[in-house]
Amino acid sequence: MRQAARADEGLRRHRRWLFALVVVVLLAEMAVAMVTTAVKQTPTIDEPVYVGTAVVYLQQHSLRYNPEHPPLGKLLIGSGTAFADAHLDRAFTGDQTELGRHLLYESGNDPWRLMLWARLPVIVLTLLFGLVVLAFARDLAGPVGGLVALGLYAFSPDIIAHGSLATLDVATAGFLLTSVWLLWRARRRPRLCLPLAGGALGAAVATKMSALPAVPVLLLLVVLSVCHARRTHGPGPGPGGRMRLLVLGVAAASVVALVAIAVVWASYFAVDPRLRWAGAENLPVTHGLGPRVVDGLPFPEPYRDGMRIQFGFENMTWSGFLFGRHYRGSLWYYLPAALLVKTPLGMLALWSAGAVAAVTVPRLRSAAPYVLVPTVVLLATAMTGSRDLGVRYALFMPMFLAVAAAGVAAFRRRSAHIASAALLLFVAVSSLRTYPYYLPYSNEAFGGPARTHLRLHDSNVDWGQDLGRLATRLRQRYPDERVWLVYKGSGVPSYYGIDASDPRKVAPGEVHGLLVVSDSSIAKADDRLATLINTSVRIDEVGHSITIYRRATRVDGAPEAK
């Protein structure tokens, strides 16, 4: 008996060590992928605004820049820039786009070093959210399910791509997931977990306003968790007990909401304890129910003005690009279609299997409202947006559905386990093959990252991240050649040693040599740029996001493609 007990204990200890080793390996792989990606990429379109605003927060304690997004995510970015010793002229008076350019390229700072420090807090936070995915999935489906979920998360090209940038999307989705996980745990320990869930929900709302549609869903989950906890650990409902449970649940939801609101206020006070706010410049005039509701929300005035700016963005007409079609406005099916392109095939299969398990396996059904309902609500809300600019607006999908995919561990058949392992391996191989070009990733069914630009644009493929790589390519392969550049991004080409002219500002006959065009600009090319491209020969590409053409000239000056 004693020998058998010792053998069982040794086996359990061995499994614990093996579990810990796999977790460390997965997170280490993800960390290496994100750090090496961050080191090589030049600033994407949104990053300089966030980094510049973060520096202003730290050095000037002013809320005047980037009011359309709350402060918390930029404060996290600022925790990295604090180590970069960034210099910023206090007398600078430009707008937020000019602020980012001034900080990175006109103030004597090293943009490579400053951007790396700005990105490191997001990288660390992304790794911590991986632990949340692991813990949540392990609670639902045991250690094997936890490793399946963490594997999907750690190899997700979209998570790696945006987790290595100083932006707000990963933080928002991760805080929401953390809040939902804590609500799940509140079914057993409500007094400890509910306030923490409120804090995580507040952190999401204080990072990006796109988290707001999840608030009513999570407050309903509070009621669900409290009712379960009382039924499990307390006496039966008895006469009138259901009403008392409902009242108790509503009271708990009110506490969670108050904690979330307090976190939002605290994020503004962290920037400026006196909360000085002169109002946003050129605040858009908006109409409808949403803008009227804003006035009654218990948030600081700069937050409410930021919401008005967001409503103004939603009232604008943006352009999109999907499956080779450039269009004006938005398509309701854009995000599902883009996710179909940019999600590894094995991941799509495991998401689907996990969702089926969540609603069919009896012991997992209670988790379905926590994992699937917020995902559906957030996706449905995002699909109604006016900006078809990338799957980053649905970055909660690879987080929440990684947890759902843990449900495949609940299937009893050995064939299901073998298939799940094979699909997870397929995901890992697909992700590793795209290294280090995670931003333009697309799965094998759509030709891989080299062909993503034929189907999608903007932050799905070309967000200005490869300007540094372009400079290296031009210097190594095309020295002393005339360069004509159409670059979509926030970087300054001349800083990286690119001496180029804009081909759209001269007659087509004068454009000869190298024509370099960002793939997003190709997707939305007007007649003038399209003519230049169509009369040139494609000779090279950089990072699957920038295309290089050669454009020759006849003796008579008319363009000739070779």
Protein backbone atom coordinates (compact mmCIF):
# COMPACT_ATOMS: atom_id res chain seq x y z
CA MET A 1 0.00 0.00 0.00
CA ARG A 2 2.72 2.44 1.00
CA GLN A 3 4.75 1.62 -2.10
CA ALA A 4 1.72 2.15 -4.30
CA ALA A 5 0.99 5.49 -2.59
CA ARG A 6 4.60 6.60 -3.05
CA ALA A 7 4.46 5.58 -6.71
CA ASP A 8 1.24 7.55 -7.22
CA GLU A 9 2.74 10.59 -5.52
CA GLY A 10 5.85 10.34 -7.67
CA LEU A 11 3.73 10.10 -10.80
CA ARG A 12 1.71 13.18 -9.78
CA ARG A 13 4.91 15.08 -9.04
CA HIS A 14 6.32 14.08 -12.43
CA ARG A 15 3.14 15.29 -14.16
CA ARG A 16 3.27 18.60 -12.31
CA TRP A 17 6.86 19.16 -13.39
CA LEU A 18 6.05 18.18 -16.97
CA PHE A 19 3.03 20.53 -16.96
CA ALA A 20 5.16 23.40 -15.66
CA LEU A 21 7.87 22.68 -18.24
CA VAL A 22 5.41 22.78 -21.15
CA VAL A 23 3.95 26.06 -19.85
CA VAL A 24 7.40 27.62 -19.61
CA VAL A 25 8.35 26.44 -23.10
CA LEU A 26 5.17 27.81 -24.67
CA LEU A 27 5.47 31.20 -22.98
CA ALA A 28 9.20 31.37 -23.73
CA GLU A 29 8.52 30.69 -27.41
CA MET A 30 5.91 33.44 -27.42
CA ALA A 31 8.21 35.88 -25.62
CA VAL A 32 11.04 35.27 -28.10
CA ALA A 33 8.66 35.72 -31.04
CA MET A 34 7.27 39.00 -29.69
CA VAL A 35 10.59 40.52 -28.60
CA THR A 36 12.43 39.70 -31.82
CA THR A 37 9.48 41.01 -33.81
CA ALA A 38 9.35 44.21 -31.76
CA VAL A 39 13.06 44.83 -32.24
CA LYS A 40 12.84 44.66 -36.04
CA GLN A 41 9.65 46.63 -36.70
CA THR A 42 9.48 50.38 -37.24
CA PRO A 43 6.53 52.28 -35.73
CA THR A 44 3.12 51.28 -37.00
CA ILE A 45 0.52 53.92 -37.80
CA ASP A 46 -1.08 54.16 -34.34
CA GLU A 47 1.95 53.63 -32.13
CA PRO A 48 3.58 57.10 -32.29
CA VAL A 49 0.33 58.70 -31.13
CA TYR A 50 0.09 56.39 -28.11
CA VAL A 51 3.78 56.67 -27.26
CA GLY A 52 3.79 60.44 -27.60
CA THR A 53 0.67 60.71 -25.45
CA ALA A 54 2.22 58.40 -22.86
CA VAL A 55 5.30 60.62 -22.60
CA VAL A 56 3.10 63.71 -22.20
CA TYR A 57 1.20 61.89 -19.44
CA LEU A 58 4.42 61.16 -17.57
CA GLN A 59 6.22 64.43 -18.08
CA GLN A 60 3.44 67.03 -18.26
CA HIS A 61 0.47 65.31 -16.57
CA SER A 62 -1.82 66.56 -19.31
CA LEU A 63 -4.85 64.85 -20.84
CA ARG A 64 -4.96 67.01 -23.95
CA TYR A 65 -3.76 64.37 -26.43
CA ASN A 66 -5.62 61.31 -27.74
CA PRO A 67 -8.84 61.82 -25.73
CA GLU A 68 -10.66 59.28 -27.92
CA HIS A 69 -9.01 56.54 -25.87
CA PRO A 70 -8.89 56.41 -22.04
CA PRO A 71 -5.52 56.67 -20.32
CA LEU A 72 -4.80 53.25 -18.78
CA GLY A 73 -3.31 51.52 -21.82
CA LYS A 74 -1.10 54.51 -22.54
CA LEU A 75 -0.03 54.65 -18.91
CA LEU A 76 1.13 51.04 -19.26
CA ILE A 77 3.06 52.00 -22.39
CA GLY A 78 4.46 54.97 -20.46
CA SER A 79 5.81 52.63 -17.78
CA GLY A 80 8.23 51.43 -20.44
CA THR A 81 9.09 54.80 -21.91
CA ALA A 82 10.01 55.98 -18.40
CA PHE A 83 13.17 53.86 -18.74
CA ALA A 84 14.02 55.30 -22.16
CA ASP A 85 14.74 58.81 -20.85
CA ALA A 86 12.65 60.32 -23.65
CA HIS A 87 13.13 64.00 -24.35
CA LEU A 88 10.11 66.10 -25.39
CA ASP A 89 9.96 69.85 -25.87
CA ARG A 90 7.35 71.17 -23.43
CA ALA A 91 6.63 74.04 -25.80
CA PHE A 92 5.48 71.70 -28.57
CA THR A 93 1.95 72.61 -29.70
CA GLY A 94 1.16 70.34 -32.67
CA ASP A 95 -1.61 67.74 -32.89
CA GLN A 96 -1.24 64.16 -31.69
CA THR A 97 0.05 62.85 -35.02
CA GLU A 98 2.68 65.57 -35.16
CA LEU A 99 3.48 64.85 -31.50
CA GLY A 100 4.46 61.26 -32.27
CA ARG A 101 6.65 62.28 -35.21
CA HIS A 102 8.26 65.08 -33.17
CA LEU A 103 9.04 62.73 -30.26
CA LEU A 104 10.51 59.95 -32.36
CA TYR A 105 12.35 61.84 -35.09
CA GLU A 106 12.80 65.49 -34.16
CA SER A 107 13.70 65.51 -30.45
CA GLY A 108 17.04 63.72 -30.42
CA ASN A 109 15.58 60.42 -29.23
CA ASP A 110 16.55 57.03 -30.66
CA PRO A 111 13.25 55.77 -32.14
CA TRP A 112 14.41 52.14 -32.13
CA ARG A 113 15.22 52.24 -28.42
CA LEU A 114 12.19 54.29 -27.47
CA MET A 115 9.77 52.03 -29.36
CA LEU A 116 11.25 48.89 -27.83
CA TRP A 117 10.79 50.26 -24.31
CA ALA A 118 7.25 51.32 -25.18
CA ARG A 119 6.44 47.84 -26.49
CA LEU A 120 7.93 45.85 -23.60
CA PRO A 121 5.06 46.47 -21.13
CA VAL A 122 2.56 45.21 -23.72
CA ILE A 123 4.72 42.14 -24.31
CA VAL A 124 4.83 41.39 -20.58
CA LEU A 125 1.09 41.94 -20.27
CA THR A 126 0.45 39.61 -23.21
CA LEU A 127 2.44 36.86 -21.48
CA LEU A 128 0.51 37.40 -18.24
CA PHE A 129 -2.77 37.08 -20.14
CA GLY A 130 -1.43 33.75 -21.36
CA LEU A 131 -1.41 32.62 -17.74
CA VAL A 132 -5.03 33.77 -17.44
CA VAL A 133 -5.94 31.68 -20.50
CA LEU A 134 -4.16 28.71 -18.93
CA ALA A 135 -5.83 29.11 -15.54
CA PHE A 136 -9.30 29.65 -16.99
CA ALA A 137 -9.02 26.65 -19.32
CA ARG A 138 -7.59 24.47 -16.57
CA ASP A 139 -10.52 25.37 -14.31
CA LEU A 140 -12.89 24.23 -17.06
CA ALA A 141 -11.20 21.18 -18.57
CA GLY A 142 -8.23 20.18 -16.43
CA PRO A 143 -4.48 20.38 -17.10
CA VAL A 144 -4.65 18.97 -20.64
CA GLY A 145 -7.33 21.45 -21.60
CA GLY A 146 -5.24 24.22 -20.09
CA LEU A 147 -2.25 23.30 -22.24
CA VAL A 148 -4.41 23.12 -25.37
CA ALA A 149 -5.71 26.63 -24.69
CA LEU A 150 -2.27 28.03 -23.89
CA GLY A 151 -0.83 26.42 -27.02
CA LEU A 152 -3.45 28.08 -29.20
CA TYR A 153 -2.87 31.41 -27.49
CA ALA A 154 0.93 31.23 -27.61
CA PHE A 155 0.99 30.36 -31.32
CA SER A 156 -1.74 32.78 -32.41
CA PRO A 157 -0.18 35.00 -35.10
CA ASP A 158 -2.61 37.83 -34.32
CA ILE A 159 -1.84 37.79 -30.59
CA ILE A 160 1.90 37.71 -31.25
CA ALA A 161 1.65 40.47 -33.86
CA HIS A 162 -0.34 42.90 -31.73
CA GLY A 163 1.19 41.79 -28.45
CA SER A 164 4.53 43.07 -29.76
CA LEU A 165 3.19 46.57 -30.49
CA ALA A 166 2.62 49.58 -28.24
CA THR A 167 -1.12 49.59 -28.93
CA LEU A 168 -4.29 49.02 -26.91
CA ASP A 169 -6.05 46.04 -28.46
CA VAL A 170 -4.37 43.17 -26.60
CA ALA A 171 -4.69 44.92 -23.24
CA THR A 172 -8.41 45.56 -23.72
CA ALA A 173 -9.20 41.98 -24.72
CA GLY A 174 -6.97 40.54 -22.02
CA PHE A 175 -8.54 42.57 -19.22
CA LEU A 176 -12.00 41.48 -20.39
CA LEU A 177 -10.93 37.83 -20.36
CA THR A 178 -9.45 38.27 -16.89
CA SER A 179 -12.70 39.74 -15.64
CA VAL A 180 -14.73 36.85 -17.05
CA TRP A 181 -12.34 34.30 -15.53
CA LEU A 182 -12.68 35.95 -12.13
CA LEU A 183 -16.47 35.89 -12.50
CA TRP A 184 -16.25 32.17 -13.19
CA ARG A 185 -14.18 31.71 -10.04
CA ALA A 186 -16.68 33.85 -8.13
CA ARG A 187 -19.06 30.92 -8.35
CA ARG A 188 -16.99 29.48 -5.48
CA ARG A 189 -15.37 32.53 -3.86
CA PRO A 190 -17.58 35.53 -4.60
CA ARG A 191 -16.28 37.85 -1.88
CA LEU A 192 -12.71 37.65 -3.15
CA CYS A 193 -13.27 37.37 -6.89
CA LEU A 194 -16.09 39.83 -7.54
CA PRO A 195 -14.16 42.98 -6.57
CA LEU A 196 -11.18 41.73 -8.59
CA ALA A 197 -13.47 41.10 -11.55
CA GLY A 198 -14.74 44.66 -11.24
CA GLY A 199 -11.17 45.93 -11.27
CA ALA A 200 -10.32 43.96 -14.41
CA LEU A 201 -13.52 45.14 -16.12
CA GLY A 202 -12.67 48.71 -15.18
CA ALA A 203 -9.17 48.24 -16.58
CA ALA A 204 -10.64 47.11 -19.93
CA VAL A 205 -13.04 50.07 -20.08
CA ALA A 206 -10.22 52.42 -19.02
CA THR A 207 -8.05 51.14 -21.87
CA LYS A 208 -10.40 51.25 -24.85
CA MET A 209 -14.05 52.14 -25.21
CA SER A 210 -14.73 49.14 -27.40
CA ALA A 211 -14.97 47.19 -24.12
CA LEU A 212 -18.18 49.00 -23.13
CA PRO A 213 -20.59 46.61 -24.97
CA ALA A 214 -19.29 43.80 -22.74
CA VAL A 215 -20.26 45.58 -19.52
CA PRO A 216 -23.96 44.57 -19.40
CA VAL A 217 -23.03 40.98 -20.33
CA LEU A 218 -20.49 40.75 -17.52
CA LEU A 219 -22.89 42.29 -15.01
CA LEU A 220 -25.41 39.59 -15.89
CA LEU A 221 -22.66 37.02 -15.33
CA VAL A 222 -22.14 38.55 -11.88
CA VAL A 223 -25.77 37.76 -11.05
CA LEU A 224 -25.34 34.24 -12.43
CA SER A 225 -22.20 33.62 -10.36
CA VAL A 226 -23.75 34.95 -7.14
CA CYS A 227 -26.87 32.83 -7.57
CA HIS A 228 -24.74 29.73 -8.16
CA ALA A 229 -22.54 30.47 -5.16
CA ARG A 230 -25.54 30.90 -2.84
CA ARG A 231 -27.22 27.73 -4.09
CA THR A 232 -24.01 25.74 -3.71
CA HIS A 233 -22.77 27.00 -0.35
CA GLY A 234 -25.91 28.26 1.33
CA PRO A 235 -29.30 26.88 2.31
CA GLY A 236 -31.94 26.21 -0.34
CA PRO A 237 -33.85 29.17 -1.74
CA GLY A 238 -37.03 28.44 0.23
CA PRO A 239 -40.13 30.64 -0.06
CA GLY A 240 -39.25 33.87 -1.79
CA GLY A 241 -35.66 32.68 -2.08
CA ARG A 242 -35.39 33.26 -5.79
CA MET A 243 -36.28 36.91 -5.37
CA ARG A 244 -33.72 37.28 -2.58
CA LEU A 245 -31.10 35.63 -4.78
CA LEU A 246 -31.92 38.02 -7.60
CA VAL A 247 -31.71 41.03 -5.28
CA LEU A 248 -28.39 39.78 -3.93
CA GLY A 249 -27.10 39.27 -7.47
CA VAL A 250 -28.14 42.76 -8.54
CA ALA A 251 -26.45 44.20 -5.45
CA ALA A 252 -23.25 42.33 -6.29
CA ALA A 253 -23.42 43.55 -9.89
CA SER A 254 -23.77 47.10 -8.59
CA VAL A 255 -20.62 46.65 -6.51
CA VAL A 256 -18.71 45.29 -9.52
CA ALA A 257 -19.93 48.24 -11.62
CA LEU A 258 -18.85 50.73 -8.94
CA VAL A 259 -15.39 49.17 -8.76
CA ALA A 260 -15.09 49.36 -12.55
CA ILE A 261 -16.16 53.01 -12.56
CA ALA A 262 -13.65 53.76 -9.80
CA VAL A 263 -10.85 52.24 -11.90
CA VAL A 264 -11.79 54.47 -14.84
CA TRP A 265 -11.70 57.58 -12.64
CA ALA A 266 -8.41 56.44 -11.07
CA SER A 267 -6.80 56.13 -14.52
CA TYR A 268 -7.56 59.80 -15.22
CA PHE A 269 -6.43 60.94 -11.77
CA ALA A 270 -3.19 59.01 -12.30
CA VAL A 271 -2.44 61.32 -15.23
CA ASP A 272 -3.65 64.55 -13.65
CA PRO A 273 -4.78 64.52 -9.99
CA ARG A 274 -6.57 67.84 -10.61
CA LEU A 275 -8.33 66.45 -13.70
CA ARG A 276 -7.82 69.60 -15.72
CA TRP A 277 -9.79 69.39 -18.94
CA ALA A 278 -10.47 72.22 -21.35
CA GLY A 279 -12.57 70.08 -23.67
CA ALA A 280 -11.62 68.35 -26.90
CA GLU A 281 -10.94 70.49 -29.93
CA ASN A 282 -13.33 70.19 -32.89
CA LEU A 283 -15.65 67.88 -31.00
CA PRO A 284 -17.93 66.31 -33.63
CA VAL A 285 -21.64 66.98 -33.66
CA THR A 286 -23.34 63.61 -33.25
CA HIS A 287 -26.95 62.52 -33.27
CA GLY A 288 -28.95 59.53 -32.10
CA LEU A 289 -29.58 57.71 -28.85
CA GLY A 290 -25.95 56.83 -28.13
CA PRO A 291 -24.61 60.37 -27.87
CA ARG A 292 -27.57 61.35 -25.67
CA VAL A 293 -26.84 58.49 -23.27
CA VAL A 294 -23.23 59.65 -22.91
CA ASP A 295 -24.23 62.67 -20.81
CA GLY A 296 -25.69 60.43 -18.13
CA LEU A 297 -22.72 58.08 -17.75
CA PRO A 298 -20.79 58.27 -14.45
CA PHE A 299 -17.43 58.81 -16.12
CA PRO A 300 -15.07 61.81 -16.17
CA GLU A 301 -15.80 64.52 -18.72
CA PRO A 302 -12.74 63.70 -20.86
CA TYR A 303 -13.96 60.10 -21.09
CA ARG A 304 -17.40 61.25 -22.25
CA ASP A 305 -15.83 63.61 -24.78
CA GLY A 306 -13.75 60.68 -26.00
CA MET A 307 -16.94 58.71 -26.52
CA ARG A 308 -18.34 61.57 -28.58
CA ILE A 309 -15.20 61.49 -30.74
CA GLN A 310 -15.67 57.76 -31.23
CA PHE A 311 -19.29 58.31 -32.27
CA GLY A 312 -17.98 60.86 -34.75
CA PHE A 313 -15.59 58.25 -36.17
CA GLU A 314 -18.47 55.81 -36.53
CA ASN A 315 -20.47 58.41 -38.46
CA MET A 316 -17.66 58.83 -40.99
CA THR A 317 -17.41 56.87 -44.21
CA TRP A 318 -14.20 54.83 -44.30
CA SER A 319 -12.77 52.75 -47.10
CA GLY A 320 -12.16 49.02 -46.92
CA PHE A 321 -10.53 46.22 -48.90
CA LEU A 322 -11.68 42.61 -48.91
CA PHE A 323 -10.83 39.80 -51.33
CA GLY A 324 -9.43 42.22 -53.90
CA ARG A 325 -12.32 44.66 -53.76
CA HIS A 326 -11.77 48.26 -52.67
CA TYR A 327 -15.00 49.78 -51.38
CA ARG A 328 -16.39 52.74 -49.48
CA GLY A 329 -18.31 52.18 -46.28
CA SER A 330 -18.35 48.95 -44.28
CA LEU A 331 -19.43 45.34 -44.81
CA TRP A 332 -21.22 43.54 -41.99
CA TYR A 333 -19.38 40.30 -42.80
CA TYR A 334 -15.93 41.90 -43.00
CA LEU A 335 -14.64 40.70 -39.61
CA PRO A 336 -15.77 37.06 -39.97
CA ALA A 337 -14.25 36.98 -43.45
CA ALA A 338 -10.99 38.55 -42.28
CA LEU A 339 -10.80 36.14 -39.33
CA LEU A 340 -11.29 33.25 -41.74
CA VAL A 341 -8.24 34.44 -43.68
CA LYS A 342 -6.00 35.31 -40.75
CA THR A 343 -6.68 32.46 -38.31
CA PRO A 344 -4.68 29.23 -38.62
CA LEU A 345 -6.81 26.42 -40.02
CA GLY A 346 -6.13 24.12 -37.09
CA MET A 347 -7.15 26.91 -34.72
CA LEU A 348 -10.46 27.38 -36.54
CA ALA A 349 -11.15 23.66 -36.19
CA LEU A 350 -10.30 23.59 -32.48
CA TRP A 351 -12.38 26.72 -31.81
CA SER A 352 -15.36 25.03 -33.44
CA ALA A 353 -14.83 21.75 -31.59
CA GLY A 354 -14.44 23.59 -28.29
CA ALA A 355 -17.65 25.56 -28.85
CA VAL A 356 -19.50 22.30 -29.60
CA ALA A 357 -18.07 20.75 -26.44
CA ALA A 358 -19.15 23.74 -24.37
CA VAL A 359 -22.81 23.24 -25.30
CA THR A 360 -22.91 19.43 -25.51
CA VAL A 361 -20.69 18.10 -22.71
CA PRO A 362 -22.74 18.29 -19.48
CA ARG A 363 -19.91 19.36 -17.19
CA LEU A 364 -18.95 22.21 -19.53
CA ARG A 365 -22.40 23.67 -20.18
CA SER A 366 -22.29 25.95 -17.17
CA ALA A 367 -19.18 27.62 -18.68
CA ALA A 368 -20.79 28.39 -22.04
CA PRO A 369 -22.38 31.70 -20.89
CA TYR A 370 -18.99 32.86 -19.61
CA VAL A 371 -16.88 31.91 -22.62
CA LEU A 372 -19.22 32.02 -25.61
CA VAL A 373 -21.79 34.73 -24.83
CA PRO A 374 -19.27 37.61 -24.35
CA THR A 375 -17.51 36.49 -27.53
CA VAL A 376 -20.71 36.52 -29.57
CA VAL A 377 -21.84 39.90 -28.19
CA LEU A 378 -18.46 41.54 -28.76
CA LEU A 379 -18.19 40.15 -32.29
CA ALA A 380 -21.72 41.21 -33.18
CA THR A 381 -21.00 44.71 -31.89
CA ALA A 382 -17.70 44.94 -33.75
CA MET A 383 -19.40 43.82 -36.97
CA THR A 384 -21.65 46.88 -36.84
CA GLY A 385 -18.68 49.28 -36.79
CA SER A 386 -17.85 51.57 -39.69
CA ARG A 387 -14.11 50.82 -39.79
CA ASP A 388 -13.08 47.71 -41.74
CA LEU A 389 -9.43 48.12 -40.82
CA GLY A 390 -8.35 44.82 -39.34
CA VAL A 391 -8.96 41.82 -37.12
CA ARG A 392 -7.45 43.78 -34.24
CA TYR A 393 -11.02 44.95 -33.61
CA ALA A 394 -11.83 41.31 -32.78
CA LEU A 395 -8.68 40.36 -30.89
CA PHE A 396 -10.84 38.94 -28.10
CA MET A 397 -11.64 36.00 -30.41
CA PRO A 398 -8.29 34.15 -30.15
CA MET A 399 -8.33 34.72 -26.38
CA PHE A 400 -11.85 33.63 -25.47
CA LEU A 401 -12.03 30.85 -28.04
CA ALA A 402 -8.68 29.45 -26.95
CA VAL A 403 -10.35 28.86 -23.58
CA ALA A 404 -13.38 27.36 -25.31
CA ALA A 405 -11.09 25.04 -27.28
CA ALA A 406 -9.94 23.50 -24.01
CA GLY A 407 -13.26 21.66 -24.08
CA VAL A 408 -11.84 19.18 -26.62
CA ALA A 409 -10.08 17.54 -23.65
CA ALA A 410 -13.52 16.53 -22.36
CA PHE A 411 -14.20 14.26 -25.33
CA ARG A 412 -13.76 10.65 -24.29
CA ARG A 413 -12.65 9.12 -27.56
CA ARG A 414 -8.97 8.59 -28.16
CA SER A 415 -9.38 9.56 -31.80
CA ALA A 416 -10.60 12.99 -30.68
CA HIS A 417 -7.48 13.47 -28.58
CA ILE A 418 -5.21 12.43 -31.46
CA ALA A 419 -7.01 14.78 -33.83
CA SER A 420 -6.75 17.63 -31.33
CA ALA A 421 -3.02 17.07 -30.91
CA ALA A 422 -2.55 17.00 -34.68
CA LEU A 423 -4.50 20.22 -35.13
CA LEU A 424 -2.51 21.93 -32.39
CA LEU A 425 0.72 20.83 -34.05
CA PHE A 426 -0.60 22.20 -37.37
CA VAL A 427 -1.24 25.55 -35.67
CA ALA A 428 2.29 25.61 -34.23
CA VAL A 429 3.89 24.83 -37.59
CA SER A 430 1.78 27.43 -39.40
CA SER A 431 2.69 30.08 -36.83
CA LEU A 432 6.40 29.28 -36.79
CA ARG A 433 6.57 29.35 -40.59
CA THR A 434 5.39 32.96 -40.70
CA TYR A 435 8.11 34.14 -38.27
CA PRO A 436 8.96 37.02 -38.02
CA TYR A 437 6.17 38.41 -40.26
CA TYR A 438 3.19 37.89 -37.98
CA LEU A 439 1.23 41.01 -38.91
CA PRO A 440 0.64 39.93 -42.55
CA TYR A 441 -0.13 36.31 -41.62
CA SER A 442 -2.84 34.41 -43.46
CA ASN A 443 -3.46 30.69 -43.36
CA GLU A 444 -2.52 28.13 -45.99
CA ALA A 445 -5.95 28.07 -47.59
CA PHE A 446 -5.41 31.70 -48.63
CA GLY A 447 -1.81 31.38 -49.74
CA GLY A 448 0.05 32.35 -46.57
CA PRO A 449 1.51 35.76 -45.62
CA ALA A 450 2.95 36.43 -49.08
CA ARG A 451 -0.57 36.69 -50.51
CA THR A 452 -2.46 38.39 -47.69
CA HIS A 453 -2.21 41.76 -49.44
CA LEU A 454 -4.36 40.40 -52.27
CA ARG A 455 -7.29 39.96 -49.89
CA LEU A 456 -6.88 42.39 -46.97
CA HIS A 457 -5.15 45.67 -46.16
CA ASP A 458 -4.24 48.06 -43.34
CA SER A 459 -3.39 46.47 -39.96
CA ASN A 460 -4.08 43.01 -41.40
CA VAL A 461 -0.95 43.17 -43.52
CA ASP A 462 0.68 46.59 -43.91
CA TRP A 463 0.67 48.99 -40.98
CA GLY A 464 3.93 50.76 -41.77
CA GLN A 465 6.02 48.23 -39.82
CA ASP A 466 8.63 47.46 -42.48
CA LEU A 467 10.21 50.83 -43.24
CA GLY A 468 13.44 49.79 -41.52
CA ARG A 469 13.57 46.54 -43.46
CA LEU A 470 12.96 48.48 -46.66
CA ALA A 471 15.93 50.73 -45.92
CA THR A 472 18.16 47.71 -45.44
CA ARG A 473 16.92 46.07 -48.65
CA LEU A 474 17.48 49.21 -50.73
CA ARG A 475 20.95 49.67 -49.29
CA GLN A 476 22.01 46.06 -49.87
CA ARG A 477 20.40 45.25 -53.23
CA TYR A 478 19.70 48.56 -54.94
CA PRO A 479 22.40 51.06 -53.98
CA ASP A 480 22.54 54.35 -55.89
CA GLU A 481 19.23 53.74 -57.69
CA ARG A 482 16.52 56.39 -57.93
CA VAL A 483 13.68 55.58 -55.53
CA TRP A 484 10.05 56.67 -55.78
CA LEU A 485 8.11 55.87 -52.65
CA VAL A 486 4.43 55.66 -51.69
CA TYR A 487 4.60 54.69 -48.03
CA LYS A 488 1.62 54.20 -45.73
CA GLY A 489 2.86 54.59 -42.18
CA SER A 490 4.08 56.86 -39.41
CA GLY A 491 7.80 56.41 -39.95
CA VAL A 492 9.98 59.08 -41.56
CA PRO A 493 11.79 57.46 -44.52
CA SER A 494 14.69 59.93 -44.52
CA TYR A 495 15.57 59.01 -40.93
CA TYR A 496 16.26 55.45 -42.06
CA GLY A 497 18.39 56.63 -44.98
CA ILE A 498 15.75 56.36 -47.70
CA ASP A 499 16.12 59.20 -50.19
CA ALA A 500 12.89 59.01 -52.14
CA SER A 501 10.35 61.17 -53.99
CA ASP A 502 6.61 60.87 -54.29
CA PRO A 503 5.74 59.62 -57.82
CA ARG A 504 2.25 61.09 -57.59
CA LYS A 505 3.61 64.63 -57.62
CA VAL A 506 5.30 64.49 -61.04
CA ALA A 507 4.32 63.48 -64.54
CA PRO A 508 4.34 59.67 -65.09
CA GLY A 509 7.03 60.00 -67.73
CA GLU A 510 9.45 61.34 -65.11
CA VAL A 511 9.09 58.28 -62.88
CA HIS A 512 11.84 55.78 -63.64
CA GLY A 513 14.00 53.60 -61.45
CA LEU A 514 12.51 51.87 -58.40
CA LEU A 515 8.84 52.36 -57.59
CA VAL A 516 8.25 51.28 -53.96
CA VAL A 517 4.66 51.07 -52.75
CA SER A 518 3.09 49.97 -49.46
CA ASP A 519 0.63 47.16 -50.13
CA SER A 520 -2.21 49.07 -48.46
CA SER A 521 -1.61 51.90 -50.92
CA ILE A 522 -1.72 49.40 -53.77
CA ALA A 523 -5.06 48.11 -52.49
CA LYS A 524 -6.51 51.62 -52.53
CA ALA A 525 -4.59 53.01 -55.51
CA ASP A 526 -6.23 55.81 -57.47
CA ASP A 527 -6.04 55.90 -61.26
CA ARG A 528 -2.71 57.75 -61.27
CA LEU A 529 -0.92 55.31 -58.96
CA ALA A 530 -2.60 52.31 -60.60
CA THR A 531 -1.28 53.43 -63.98
CA LEU A 532 2.25 53.70 -62.60
CA ILE A 533 2.01 50.23 -61.05
CA ASN A 534 0.51 48.61 -64.14
CA THR A 535 3.31 49.98 -66.34
CA SER A 536 6.04 48.73 -64.01
CA VAL A 537 7.53 45.30 -63.32
CA ARG A 538 7.33 43.75 -59.85
CA ILE A 539 10.84 42.71 -58.81
CA ASP A 540 10.86 42.36 -55.01
CA GLU A 541 8.90 42.60 -51.78
CA VAL A 542 9.76 43.49 -48.19
CA GLY A 543 8.14 41.86 -45.18
CA HIS A 544 5.08 40.85 -47.23
CA SER A 545 3.89 44.45 -46.82
CA ILE A 546 5.86 46.57 -49.31
CA THR A 547 6.28 45.84 -53.02
CA ILE A 548 9.20 47.03 -55.17
CA TYR A 549 8.73 47.60 -58.88
CA ARG A 550 11.19 48.57 -61.58
CA ARG A 551 10.11 51.28 -63.95
CA ALA A 552 12.17 51.92 -67.09
CA THR A 553 11.95 54.77 -69.61
CA ARG A 554 12.06 54.76 -73.40
CA VAL A 555 14.31 57.17 -75.22
CA ASP A 556 11.30 59.36 -76.00
CA GLY A 557 10.45 59.57 -72.30
CA ALA A 558 7.35 57.37 -72.33
CA PRO A 559 7.30 54.73 -69.58
CA GLU A 560 8.11 51.19 -70.59
CA ALA A 561 7.81 48.07 -68.45
CA LYS A 562 10.49 45.46 -68.92
